[in-house]
N, C-alpha and C. Protein backbone atom coordinates (compact mmCIF):
# COMPACT_ATOMS: atom_id res chain seq x y z
N UNK A 1 -6.63 -32.01 -7.64
CA UNK A 1 -5.83 -32.08 -6.53
C UNK A 1 -5.47 -33.63 -6.53
N UNK A 2 -3.93 -33.42 -6.27
CA UNK A 2 -3.48 -34.91 -6.10
C UNK A 2 -3.34 -35.13 -4.90
N UNK A 3 -3.65 -36.63 -4.40
CA UNK A 3 -3.48 -36.89 -3.05
C UNK A 3 -2.49 -38.22 -2.71
N UNK A 4 -1.57 -38.22 -1.80
CA UNK A 4 -0.84 -39.22 -1.70
C UNK A 4 -1.21 -40.30 -0.85
N UNK A 5 -1.42 -41.48 -1.19
CA UNK A 5 -2.13 -42.35 -0.01
C UNK A 5 -1.14 -43.60 -0.23
N UNK A 6 -0.82 -44.03 1.32
CA UNK A 6 0.05 -45.32 1.44
C UNK A 6 -0.78 -46.42 2.03
N UNK A 7 -0.16 -47.56 1.33
CA UNK A 7 -1.01 -48.63 1.58
C UNK A 7 -0.14 -49.60 2.60
N UNK A 8 -0.70 -50.77 2.91
CA UNK A 8 -0.16 -51.48 3.92
C UNK A 8 1.09 -52.21 3.55
N UNK A 9 1.26 -52.18 2.15
CA UNK A 9 2.63 -52.89 1.94
C UNK A 9 3.79 -51.93 1.59
N UNK A 10 3.55 -50.63 2.05
CA UNK A 10 4.23 -49.51 2.17
C UNK A 10 4.62 -48.88 0.65
N UNK A 11 3.85 -49.28 -0.18
CA UNK A 11 4.06 -48.47 -1.58
C UNK A 11 3.07 -47.39 -1.36
N UNK A 12 3.20 -46.49 -2.37
CA UNK A 12 2.47 -45.16 -2.34
C UNK A 12 1.89 -45.23 -3.79
N UNK A 13 0.55 -44.74 -3.93
CA UNK A 13 -0.11 -44.48 -5.03
C UNK A 13 -0.60 -43.13 -4.96
N UNK A 14 -0.87 -42.42 -6.24
CA UNK A 14 -1.28 -40.99 -6.38
C UNK A 14 -2.41 -41.11 -7.05
N UNK A 15 -3.56 -40.64 -6.64
CA UNK A 15 -4.74 -40.72 -6.67
C UNK A 15 -5.33 -39.33 -7.50
N UNK A 16 -5.81 -39.27 -8.38
CA UNK A 16 -6.45 -37.92 -8.78
C UNK A 16 -7.67 -37.74 -8.32
N UNK A 17 -7.95 -36.56 -7.81
CA UNK A 17 -9.19 -36.24 -7.23
C UNK A 17 -9.81 -35.16 -8.04
N UNK A 18 -11.13 -35.02 -8.42
CA UNK A 18 -11.78 -33.76 -8.96
C UNK A 18 -11.64 -32.81 -7.68
N UNK A 19 -11.71 -31.20 -8.22
CA UNK A 19 -11.81 -30.31 -7.11
C UNK A 19 -13.05 -30.33 -6.59
N UNK A 20 -13.12 -30.00 -5.21
CA UNK A 20 -14.63 -30.15 -4.29
C UNK A 20 -15.47 -29.24 -4.84
N UNK A 21 -16.74 -29.17 -4.68
CA UNK A 21 -17.82 -28.18 -5.16
C UNK A 21 -17.51 -27.07 -4.03
N UNK A 22 -17.98 -26.00 -4.78
CA UNK A 22 -17.78 -24.96 -4.14
C UNK A 22 -18.88 -24.91 -2.99
N UNK A 23 -18.63 -24.35 -1.71
CA UNK A 23 -19.41 -24.39 -0.49
C UNK A 23 -19.54 -22.81 -0.34
N UNK A 24 -20.77 -22.58 0.60
CA UNK A 24 -20.69 -21.13 1.20
C UNK A 24 -19.53 -20.98 2.14
N UNK A 25 -19.20 -19.65 2.17
CA UNK A 25 -18.10 -19.23 2.82
C UNK A 25 -18.44 -18.98 4.60
N UNK A 26 -19.58 -19.09 4.77
CA UNK A 26 -20.05 -18.72 6.12
C UNK A 26 -21.09 -19.80 6.66
N UNK A 27 -21.19 -20.00 7.82
CA UNK A 27 -22.09 -20.96 8.50
C UNK A 27 -23.64 -20.18 8.63
N UNK A 28 -23.78 -19.36 8.09
CA UNK A 28 -25.04 -18.62 8.11
C UNK A 28 -26.42 -19.27 7.32
N UNK A 29 -27.27 -19.09 8.01
CA UNK A 29 -28.73 -19.76 7.17
C UNK A 29 -29.55 -18.46 6.82
N UNK A 30 -30.00 -18.58 5.49
CA UNK A 30 -30.64 -17.52 4.83
C UNK A 30 -32.00 -17.63 5.10
N UNK A 31 -32.94 -16.44 4.98
CA UNK A 31 -34.21 -16.36 4.68
C UNK A 31 -34.73 -15.62 3.71
N UNK A 32 -35.62 -15.95 2.88
CA UNK A 32 -35.76 -15.21 1.63
C UNK A 32 -37.60 -15.23 1.68
N UNK A 33 -38.12 -14.45 1.76
CA UNK A 33 -39.56 -13.93 1.80
C UNK A 33 -40.05 -12.59 1.64
N UNK A 34 -41.40 -12.35 2.29
CA UNK A 34 -41.82 -11.02 2.30
C UNK A 34 -43.13 -11.07 3.21
N UNK A 35 -43.21 -9.91 4.06
CA UNK A 35 -44.39 -9.70 4.86
C UNK A 35 -45.66 -9.84 4.01
N UNK A 36 -46.24 -8.90 3.76
CA UNK A 36 -47.41 -8.74 2.92
C UNK A 36 -47.39 -7.83 2.07
N UNK A 37 -48.22 -7.88 0.99
CA UNK A 37 -48.39 -6.80 -0.06
C UNK A 37 -48.18 -5.43 0.41
N UNK A 38 -47.18 -4.76 0.11
CA UNK A 38 -47.37 -3.13 0.27
C UNK A 38 -46.46 -3.08 1.59
N UNK A 39 -45.78 -4.00 2.40
CA UNK A 39 -45.32 -3.86 3.47
C UNK A 39 -43.72 -4.17 3.38
N UNK A 40 -42.98 -4.41 4.55
CA UNK A 40 -41.58 -4.75 4.49
C UNK A 40 -41.35 -5.96 3.56
N UNK A 41 -40.32 -5.89 2.60
CA UNK A 41 -40.03 -7.24 1.91
C UNK A 41 -38.54 -7.55 2.67
N UNK A 42 -38.55 -8.76 2.66
CA UNK A 42 -37.38 -9.44 3.17
C UNK A 42 -36.52 -10.09 2.05
N UNK A 43 -35.13 -9.68 1.93
CA UNK A 43 -34.14 -10.00 1.20
C UNK A 43 -33.22 -10.97 1.72
N UNK A 44 -32.59 -11.50 0.75
CA UNK A 44 -31.59 -12.67 1.28
C UNK A 44 -30.41 -12.12 2.00
N UNK A 45 -30.60 -12.28 3.38
CA UNK A 45 -29.74 -11.96 4.26
C UNK A 45 -29.40 -13.07 5.36
N UNK A 46 -28.23 -12.95 6.07
CA UNK A 46 -28.05 -13.83 6.75
C UNK A 46 -28.81 -13.91 7.93
N UNK A 47 -29.43 -15.08 8.49
CA UNK A 47 -30.54 -15.15 9.59
C UNK A 47 -29.68 -15.25 10.84
N UNK A 48 -28.19 -16.15 10.73
CA UNK A 48 -27.59 -15.97 11.89
C UNK A 48 -26.27 -15.36 11.79
N UNK A 49 -25.44 -14.68 12.70
CA UNK A 49 -24.19 -14.23 12.33
C UNK A 49 -23.42 -14.78 13.30
N UNK A 50 -22.17 -15.01 12.94
CA UNK A 50 -21.34 -16.04 13.98
C UNK A 50 -20.03 -14.89 14.41
N UNK A 51 -20.31 -14.50 15.62
CA UNK A 51 -19.21 -13.42 16.14
C UNK A 51 -18.49 -14.13 17.21
N UNK A 52 -17.30 -14.73 17.01
CA UNK A 52 -16.73 -15.52 18.10
C UNK A 52 -17.29 -16.84 18.50
N UNK A 53 -17.53 -17.10 19.53
CA UNK A 53 -18.19 -18.18 19.91
C UNK A 53 -19.81 -18.26 20.07
N UNK A 54 -20.40 -16.96 20.22
CA UNK A 54 -21.55 -16.69 20.17
C UNK A 54 -22.09 -16.66 18.82
N UNK A 55 -23.27 -17.47 18.78
CA UNK A 55 -24.03 -17.21 17.74
C UNK A 55 -25.41 -16.43 17.80
N UNK A 56 -25.52 -15.27 17.15
CA UNK A 56 -26.69 -14.58 17.41
C UNK A 56 -27.63 -14.51 16.07
N UNK A 57 -28.86 -14.56 16.44
CA UNK A 57 -29.89 -14.63 15.24
C UNK A 57 -30.36 -13.19 15.15
N UNK A 58 -30.26 -12.69 13.90
CA UNK A 58 -30.46 -11.49 13.09
C UNK A 58 -31.47 -11.56 12.05
N UNK A 59 -31.89 -10.51 11.78
CA UNK A 59 -32.97 -10.49 10.51
C UNK A 59 -32.67 -8.94 9.94
N UNK A 60 -32.62 -8.95 8.53
CA UNK A 60 -32.48 -7.83 7.98
C UNK A 60 -33.52 -7.76 7.13
N UNK A 61 -34.19 -6.55 6.84
CA UNK A 61 -35.38 -6.13 6.09
C UNK A 61 -35.19 -4.83 5.53
N UNK A 62 -35.84 -4.54 4.27
CA UNK A 62 -35.84 -3.40 3.84
C UNK A 62 -37.18 -2.90 3.27
N UNK A 63 -37.77 -1.82 3.77
CA UNK A 63 -39.06 -1.48 3.51
C UNK A 63 -39.22 -1.14 1.93
N UNK A 64 -40.22 -2.07 1.21
CA UNK A 64 -40.14 -2.10 -0.20
C UNK A 64 -40.76 -0.66 -0.72
N UNK A 65 -41.59 0.14 0.08
CA UNK A 65 -42.49 1.07 -0.18
C UNK A 65 -41.34 2.40 -0.16
N UNK A 66 -40.35 2.32 0.26
CA UNK A 66 -39.38 3.53 0.34
C UNK A 66 -38.36 3.14 -1.02
N UNK A 67 -38.05 4.21 -1.66
CA UNK A 67 -37.17 3.93 -2.91
C UNK A 67 -35.73 4.30 -2.71
N UNK A 68 -35.47 4.55 -1.42
CA UNK A 68 -33.94 4.83 -1.01
C UNK A 68 -33.53 3.33 -0.70
N UNK A 69 -32.16 3.04 -1.24
CA UNK A 69 -31.67 1.52 -0.89
C UNK A 69 -30.66 1.62 0.21
N UNK A 70 -30.77 2.71 1.26
CA UNK A 70 -29.81 2.68 2.21
C UNK A 70 -30.89 2.59 3.67
N UNK A 71 -32.11 2.37 3.19
CA UNK A 71 -33.02 2.10 4.52
C UNK A 71 -33.08 0.66 5.19
N UNK A 72 -32.05 -0.05 5.03
CA UNK A 72 -31.98 -1.40 5.48
C UNK A 72 -31.87 -1.32 7.18
N UNK A 73 -32.52 -2.32 7.92
CA UNK A 73 -32.66 -2.41 9.26
C UNK A 73 -32.31 -3.64 9.84
N UNK A 74 -31.53 -3.90 10.89
CA UNK A 74 -31.36 -5.26 11.20
C UNK A 74 -32.21 -5.10 12.56
N UNK A 75 -32.90 -6.23 12.74
CA UNK A 75 -33.62 -6.39 14.03
C UNK A 75 -33.22 -7.64 14.78
N UNK A 76 -32.69 -7.61 15.97
CA UNK A 76 -32.29 -8.72 16.49
C UNK A 76 -33.56 -9.67 17.14
N UNK A 77 -33.41 -10.85 16.95
CA UNK A 77 -34.68 -11.66 17.32
C UNK A 77 -34.22 -12.43 18.50
N UNK A 78 -34.63 -12.44 19.63
CA UNK A 78 -34.36 -13.32 20.84
C UNK A 78 -34.90 -14.59 20.76
N UNK A 79 -34.12 -15.72 21.09
CA UNK A 79 -34.42 -17.11 20.72
C UNK A 79 -33.80 -17.77 22.07
N UNK A 80 -34.54 -18.35 22.89
CA UNK A 80 -34.00 -19.30 24.00
C UNK A 80 -33.14 -18.46 24.83
N UNK A 81 -32.12 -19.02 25.45
CA UNK A 81 -31.25 -18.43 26.45
C UNK A 81 -30.26 -17.43 25.83
N UNK A 82 -30.09 -16.31 26.61
CA UNK A 82 -29.23 -14.81 26.21
C UNK A 82 -28.11 -15.35 26.96
N UNK A 83 -26.95 -15.13 26.35
CA UNK A 83 -25.70 -15.16 27.01
C UNK A 83 -25.36 -13.84 27.16
N UNK A 84 -24.99 -13.56 28.57
CA UNK A 84 -24.74 -12.06 29.11
C UNK A 84 -23.30 -12.22 29.75
N UNK A 85 -22.77 -11.10 30.03
CA UNK A 85 -21.45 -10.96 30.61
C UNK A 85 -21.44 -10.00 32.00
N UNK A 86 -20.31 -9.91 32.82
CA UNK A 86 -20.30 -8.97 33.95
C UNK A 86 -20.98 -7.84 33.97
N UNK A 87 -20.73 -7.01 32.67
CA UNK A 87 -20.98 -5.77 32.43
C UNK A 87 -22.58 -5.54 32.37
N UNK A 88 -23.08 -6.75 31.63
CA UNK A 88 -24.68 -6.56 31.48
C UNK A 88 -25.48 -7.24 32.83
N UNK A 89 -24.73 -7.99 33.44
CA UNK A 89 -25.52 -8.61 34.66
C UNK A 89 -26.25 -7.85 35.47
N UNK A 90 -25.72 -6.42 36.00
CA UNK A 90 -26.69 -5.65 36.88
C UNK A 90 -28.01 -5.29 36.11
N UNK A 91 -27.74 -4.95 34.85
CA UNK A 91 -28.81 -4.33 34.02
C UNK A 91 -29.99 -5.57 33.84
N UNK A 92 -29.40 -6.69 33.22
CA UNK A 92 -30.45 -7.77 32.76
C UNK A 92 -30.98 -8.40 34.12
N UNK A 93 -30.17 -8.66 35.09
CA UNK A 93 -30.48 -9.75 36.07
C UNK A 93 -30.91 -8.94 37.23
N UNK A 94 -30.17 -8.02 37.84
CA UNK A 94 -30.48 -7.47 38.97
C UNK A 94 -31.83 -6.49 38.91
N UNK A 95 -31.94 -5.71 37.87
CA UNK A 95 -32.99 -4.92 37.56
C UNK A 95 -34.05 -5.39 36.91
N UNK A 96 -34.18 -6.60 36.70
CA UNK A 96 -35.35 -7.10 36.09
C UNK A 96 -36.80 -7.26 36.97
N UNK A 97 -37.70 -7.13 36.10
CA UNK A 97 -39.02 -7.14 36.70
C UNK A 97 -39.30 -8.44 36.90
N UNK A 98 -38.98 -9.32 36.16
CA UNK A 98 -39.37 -10.84 36.27
C UNK A 98 -38.37 -11.66 37.02
N UNK A 99 -38.68 -12.77 37.52
CA UNK A 99 -37.57 -13.53 37.95
C UNK A 99 -36.40 -13.91 36.99
N UNK A 100 -35.23 -14.34 37.20
CA UNK A 100 -34.05 -14.70 36.22
C UNK A 100 -33.38 -15.98 36.70
N UNK A 101 -33.34 -16.76 35.75
CA UNK A 101 -32.74 -17.96 36.24
C UNK A 101 -31.48 -17.68 35.51
N UNK A 102 -30.22 -17.99 36.29
CA UNK A 102 -28.88 -17.65 35.76
C UNK A 102 -28.16 -18.97 35.73
N UNK A 103 -27.87 -19.45 34.53
CA UNK A 103 -26.94 -20.58 34.26
C UNK A 103 -25.46 -20.30 34.36
N UNK A 104 -24.63 -20.93 35.09
CA UNK A 104 -23.17 -20.45 34.82
C UNK A 104 -22.63 -21.84 34.22
N UNK A 105 -21.90 -21.50 32.86
CA UNK A 105 -21.59 -22.61 31.89
C UNK A 105 -19.89 -22.67 31.61
N UNK A 106 -19.53 -23.45 31.06
CA UNK A 106 -18.00 -23.08 30.58
C UNK A 106 -18.31 -24.08 29.23
N UNK A 107 -17.39 -23.76 28.15
CA UNK A 107 -17.29 -24.27 26.98
C UNK A 107 -16.81 -25.61 27.18
N UNK A 108 -15.89 -25.81 27.93
CA UNK A 108 -15.33 -27.37 28.20
C UNK A 108 -15.88 -28.12 29.12
N UNK A 109 -17.12 -27.70 29.65
CA UNK A 109 -17.97 -28.45 30.53
C UNK A 109 -18.75 -29.51 30.02
N UNK A 110 -18.63 -30.79 30.11
CA UNK A 110 -19.51 -31.53 29.43
C UNK A 110 -21.03 -31.71 30.09
N UNK A 111 -21.01 -31.74 31.28
CA UNK A 111 -22.45 -31.52 31.74
C UNK A 111 -23.25 -30.28 31.48
N UNK A 112 -22.67 -29.16 31.03
CA UNK A 112 -23.09 -28.12 30.63
C UNK A 112 -23.84 -28.28 29.40
N UNK A 113 -23.16 -28.80 28.46
CA UNK A 113 -23.32 -29.05 27.09
C UNK A 113 -24.86 -29.92 27.06
N UNK A 114 -24.59 -30.93 27.99
CA UNK A 114 -25.57 -32.07 28.22
C UNK A 114 -27.05 -31.48 28.59
N UNK A 115 -26.97 -30.35 29.39
CA UNK A 115 -28.19 -29.80 29.85
C UNK A 115 -28.66 -28.74 28.95
N UNK A 116 -27.89 -28.30 28.06
CA UNK A 116 -28.40 -27.16 27.23
C UNK A 116 -29.63 -27.06 26.57
N UNK A 117 -29.90 -28.43 25.66
CA UNK A 117 -31.25 -28.36 25.42
C UNK A 117 -32.40 -28.30 26.18
N UNK A 118 -32.23 -28.92 27.36
CA UNK A 118 -33.09 -28.87 28.45
C UNK A 118 -33.46 -27.23 28.95
N UNK A 119 -32.40 -26.68 29.18
CA UNK A 119 -32.37 -25.27 29.39
C UNK A 119 -33.12 -24.22 28.47
N UNK A 120 -32.59 -24.55 27.09
CA UNK A 120 -33.43 -23.84 25.97
C UNK A 120 -34.87 -24.21 25.98
N UNK A 121 -35.44 -25.43 26.33
CA UNK A 121 -36.60 -25.81 26.23
C UNK A 121 -37.44 -25.07 27.42
N UNK A 122 -36.88 -24.88 28.49
CA UNK A 122 -37.41 -24.29 29.72
C UNK A 122 -37.54 -22.81 29.52
N UNK A 123 -36.58 -22.38 28.72
CA UNK A 123 -36.60 -20.70 28.55
C UNK A 123 -37.78 -20.46 27.43
N UNK A 124 -38.00 -21.33 26.73
CA UNK A 124 -39.20 -21.16 25.97
C UNK A 124 -40.40 -21.45 26.30
N UNK A 125 -40.67 -22.30 27.08
CA UNK A 125 -41.75 -22.82 27.76
C UNK A 125 -42.26 -21.92 28.97
N UNK A 126 -41.31 -21.47 29.75
CA UNK A 126 -41.38 -20.47 30.78
C UNK A 126 -41.01 -18.97 30.33
N UNK A 127 -41.16 -18.51 29.00
CA UNK A 127 -40.78 -17.08 28.55
C UNK A 127 -41.61 -16.26 29.28
N UNK A 128 -42.93 -16.40 29.56
CA UNK A 128 -43.80 -15.35 30.07
C UNK A 128 -43.61 -15.13 31.61
N UNK A 129 -42.94 -16.16 32.31
CA UNK A 129 -42.97 -16.09 33.53
C UNK A 129 -41.51 -15.86 34.24
N UNK A 130 -40.31 -16.38 33.37
CA UNK A 130 -39.05 -16.47 33.55
C UNK A 130 -38.01 -15.81 32.53
N UNK A 131 -37.12 -15.26 32.95
CA UNK A 131 -36.07 -14.79 32.06
C UNK A 131 -34.73 -16.05 32.21
N UNK A 132 -34.35 -16.39 31.03
CA UNK A 132 -33.08 -17.44 31.50
C UNK A 132 -31.92 -16.68 30.78
N UNK A 133 -30.92 -16.63 31.41
CA UNK A 133 -29.69 -16.24 30.94
C UNK A 133 -28.41 -17.27 31.32
N UNK A 134 -27.42 -17.37 30.48
CA UNK A 134 -26.31 -18.22 30.76
C UNK A 134 -25.12 -17.21 30.82
N UNK A 135 -24.05 -17.39 31.75
CA UNK A 135 -23.07 -16.55 32.13
C UNK A 135 -21.72 -17.57 31.85
N UNK A 136 -20.63 -17.14 30.98
CA UNK A 136 -19.55 -17.96 30.66
C UNK A 136 -18.60 -17.87 31.83
N UNK A 137 -18.39 -19.07 32.65
CA UNK A 137 -17.42 -19.28 33.95
C UNK A 137 -16.02 -18.44 33.63
N UNK A 138 -15.50 -18.75 32.48
CA UNK A 138 -14.01 -18.45 32.28
C UNK A 138 -14.12 -16.98 32.09
N UNK A 139 -15.05 -16.27 31.46
CA UNK A 139 -14.95 -14.88 31.04
C UNK A 139 -15.44 -13.92 32.06
N UNK A 140 -16.16 -14.33 33.00
CA UNK A 140 -16.69 -13.48 34.03
C UNK A 140 -16.16 -13.76 35.45
N UNK A 141 -15.09 -13.81 35.87
CA UNK A 141 -14.27 -14.42 36.96
C UNK A 141 -15.00 -13.76 38.25
N UNK A 142 -15.45 -12.24 38.04
CA UNK A 142 -15.99 -11.50 39.16
C UNK A 142 -17.17 -11.89 39.60
N UNK A 143 -18.03 -12.20 38.85
CA UNK A 143 -19.39 -13.16 39.21
C UNK A 143 -19.11 -14.40 39.59
N UNK A 144 -17.96 -15.04 39.14
CA UNK A 144 -17.91 -16.29 39.75
C UNK A 144 -17.65 -16.23 41.21
N UNK A 145 -16.71 -15.27 41.51
CA UNK A 145 -16.28 -15.00 42.97
C UNK A 145 -17.07 -14.46 43.76
N UNK A 146 -17.85 -13.58 43.17
CA UNK A 146 -19.12 -12.96 43.92
C UNK A 146 -20.35 -13.96 44.38
N UNK A 147 -20.63 -14.77 43.52
CA UNK A 147 -21.58 -15.69 43.87
C UNK A 147 -21.37 -17.17 44.15
N UNK A 148 -19.67 -17.15 44.23
CA UNK A 148 -19.07 -18.35 44.86
C UNK A 148 -19.77 -19.77 43.94
N UNK A 149 -19.31 -19.60 42.83
CA UNK A 149 -19.96 -20.73 41.94
C UNK A 149 -18.64 -21.69 41.93
N UNK A 150 -18.90 -22.82 42.57
CA UNK A 150 -17.85 -23.85 42.43
C UNK A 150 -17.96 -25.07 41.52
N UNK A 151 -19.15 -25.36 41.32
CA UNK A 151 -19.41 -26.60 40.50
C UNK A 151 -20.31 -26.08 39.07
N UNK A 152 -20.19 -26.48 38.04
CA UNK A 152 -20.76 -26.48 36.66
C UNK A 152 -21.45 -27.34 36.19
N UNK A 153 -22.55 -27.37 35.53
CA UNK A 153 -23.44 -26.04 35.55
C UNK A 153 -23.90 -25.76 36.80
N UNK A 154 -23.93 -24.40 36.96
CA UNK A 154 -24.77 -23.91 38.21
C UNK A 154 -25.97 -23.06 37.93
N UNK A 155 -26.86 -23.24 38.48
CA UNK A 155 -28.16 -22.51 38.39
C UNK A 155 -28.59 -21.69 39.64
N UNK A 156 -28.95 -20.54 39.28
CA UNK A 156 -29.25 -19.66 40.58
C UNK A 156 -30.25 -18.71 40.00
N UNK A 157 -31.51 -18.87 40.71
CA UNK A 157 -32.82 -17.88 40.65
C UNK A 157 -32.56 -16.60 41.36
N UNK A 158 -32.93 -15.44 40.53
CA UNK A 158 -32.82 -14.04 41.08
C UNK A 158 -34.14 -13.34 41.02
N UNK A 159 -34.46 -12.73 42.08
CA UNK A 159 -35.76 -11.91 41.86
C UNK A 159 -35.47 -10.61 42.60
N UNK A 160 -36.09 -9.45 42.16
CA UNK A 160 -35.81 -8.24 42.67
C UNK A 160 -34.46 -7.84 43.25
N UNK A 161 -33.43 -8.41 42.42
CA UNK A 161 -31.97 -8.03 42.47
C UNK A 161 -31.43 -8.92 43.38
N UNK A 162 -32.07 -9.93 43.85
CA UNK A 162 -31.53 -10.76 45.30
C UNK A 162 -31.54 -12.31 44.84
N UNK A 163 -30.57 -12.98 45.03
CA UNK A 163 -30.54 -14.59 44.84
C UNK A 163 -31.52 -15.16 46.01
N UNK A 164 -32.65 -16.01 45.27
CA UNK A 164 -33.65 -16.60 46.10
C UNK A 164 -32.81 -17.44 46.76
N UNK A 165 -33.13 -17.67 48.11
CA UNK A 165 -32.51 -18.62 49.24
C UNK A 165 -33.00 -19.97 48.56
N UNK A 166 -31.98 -20.94 48.71
CA UNK A 166 -32.38 -22.37 48.38
C UNK A 166 -32.58 -22.59 46.84
N UNK A 167 -32.11 -21.54 46.04
CA UNK A 167 -32.42 -21.80 44.61
C UNK A 167 -30.97 -22.29 43.99
N UNK A 168 -30.06 -22.44 44.89
CA UNK A 168 -28.78 -22.80 43.88
C UNK A 168 -28.85 -24.14 43.83
N UNK A 169 -28.50 -24.65 42.54
CA UNK A 169 -28.26 -26.02 42.15
C UNK A 169 -27.17 -26.31 41.28
N UNK A 170 -26.32 -27.18 41.39
CA UNK A 170 -25.11 -27.31 40.41
C UNK A 170 -24.98 -28.85 40.30
N UNK A 171 -24.40 -28.88 38.75
CA UNK A 171 -24.52 -30.41 38.08
C UNK A 171 -25.54 -30.56 37.14
N UNK A 172 -25.32 -31.71 36.44
CA UNK A 172 -26.43 -31.89 35.45
C UNK A 172 -27.86 -32.44 35.98
N UNK A 173 -28.91 -31.94 35.19
CA UNK A 173 -30.17 -32.49 35.46
C UNK A 173 -30.99 -32.73 34.53
N UNK A 174 -32.02 -33.63 34.74
CA UNK A 174 -32.81 -34.10 33.54
C UNK A 174 -33.81 -33.13 33.42
N UNK A 175 -34.44 -32.79 32.18
CA UNK A 175 -35.51 -31.98 32.02
C UNK A 175 -36.69 -31.91 32.88
N UNK A 176 -37.23 -33.24 33.30
CA UNK A 176 -38.19 -33.49 34.17
C UNK A 176 -37.94 -32.91 35.46
N UNK A 177 -36.79 -33.11 36.05
CA UNK A 177 -36.19 -32.46 37.34
C UNK A 177 -35.95 -31.16 37.23
N UNK A 178 -35.61 -30.57 36.14
CA UNK A 178 -35.42 -29.19 36.03
C UNK A 178 -36.75 -28.51 36.01
N UNK A 179 -37.77 -29.09 35.53
CA UNK A 179 -39.10 -28.61 35.31
C UNK A 179 -39.68 -28.52 36.74
N UNK A 180 -39.34 -29.65 37.60
CA UNK A 180 -40.07 -29.62 39.02
C UNK A 180 -39.19 -28.52 39.88
N UNK A 181 -37.82 -28.32 39.65
CA UNK A 181 -37.09 -27.38 40.29
C UNK A 181 -37.40 -26.12 39.96
N UNK A 182 -37.83 -25.68 38.80
CA UNK A 182 -38.46 -24.33 38.44
C UNK A 182 -39.61 -24.11 38.69
N UNK A 183 -40.61 -25.05 38.72
CA UNK A 183 -41.95 -25.00 39.44
C UNK A 183 -41.85 -24.74 40.72
N UNK A 184 -41.36 -25.43 41.48
CA UNK A 184 -40.96 -25.21 42.99
C UNK A 184 -40.67 -23.90 43.25
N UNK A 185 -39.47 -23.45 42.49
CA UNK A 185 -38.80 -21.96 42.83
C UNK A 185 -40.08 -20.80 42.42
N UNK A 186 -40.62 -21.04 41.31
CA UNK A 186 -41.67 -20.08 40.99
C UNK A 186 -42.71 -19.99 41.68
N UNK A 187 -43.03 -21.37 42.31
CA UNK A 187 -44.34 -21.28 43.32
C UNK A 187 -43.79 -20.60 44.62
N UNK A 188 -42.74 -20.53 45.08
CA UNK A 188 -42.02 -20.08 46.16
C UNK A 188 -41.95 -18.51 46.18
N UNK A 189 -41.84 -17.97 44.85
CA UNK A 189 -41.83 -16.56 44.85
C UNK A 189 -42.83 -16.10 44.22
N UNK A 190 -44.01 -17.14 44.24
CA UNK A 190 -45.43 -16.75 43.94
C UNK A 190 -45.61 -15.82 42.53
N UNK A 191 -44.85 -16.61 41.40
CA UNK A 191 -44.95 -16.24 40.22
C UNK A 191 -45.88 -17.13 39.27
N UNK A 192 -46.11 -18.42 39.78
CA UNK A 192 -46.54 -19.53 39.17
C UNK A 192 -48.21 -19.09 39.07
């Protein structure tokens, strides 16, 4: 591949570059391994799939005891915060048997990206007491209007299908303050 480069003296030089090394065609990570002897074997399959802006963790495996090559099964593995939409909101949030922390975010929102690692950490730390979901502001206007979300990121805690009074918080927050906020809310709904 030839590249045209201009210098400060307004002369041009053509440099020859070798072709780039081949790269993987996707952003997927792969896992290869096996469970235990005589059980399901894992084959080289994508660990993450990229559909749109959402990155979903998947795992494919095939039972090594079966001789059929068509017995492949995909198993979704939940990790951290789950992104939901308006159609999933009633089932995931309002009908949940645990308290649900809903984070309203947007891809263009700097403070949303800033607190994302803290939210992921809280989701893992409190996974037995609390479900954490995120909702994209731009893709879900009905929920934004219904819950009057004016600032981003916005956090709202739901329990038994209802918004917990005084649980609404907007703006960036440190991990320590977020943990205090969650502990106080869980104590108020007697889950702690």
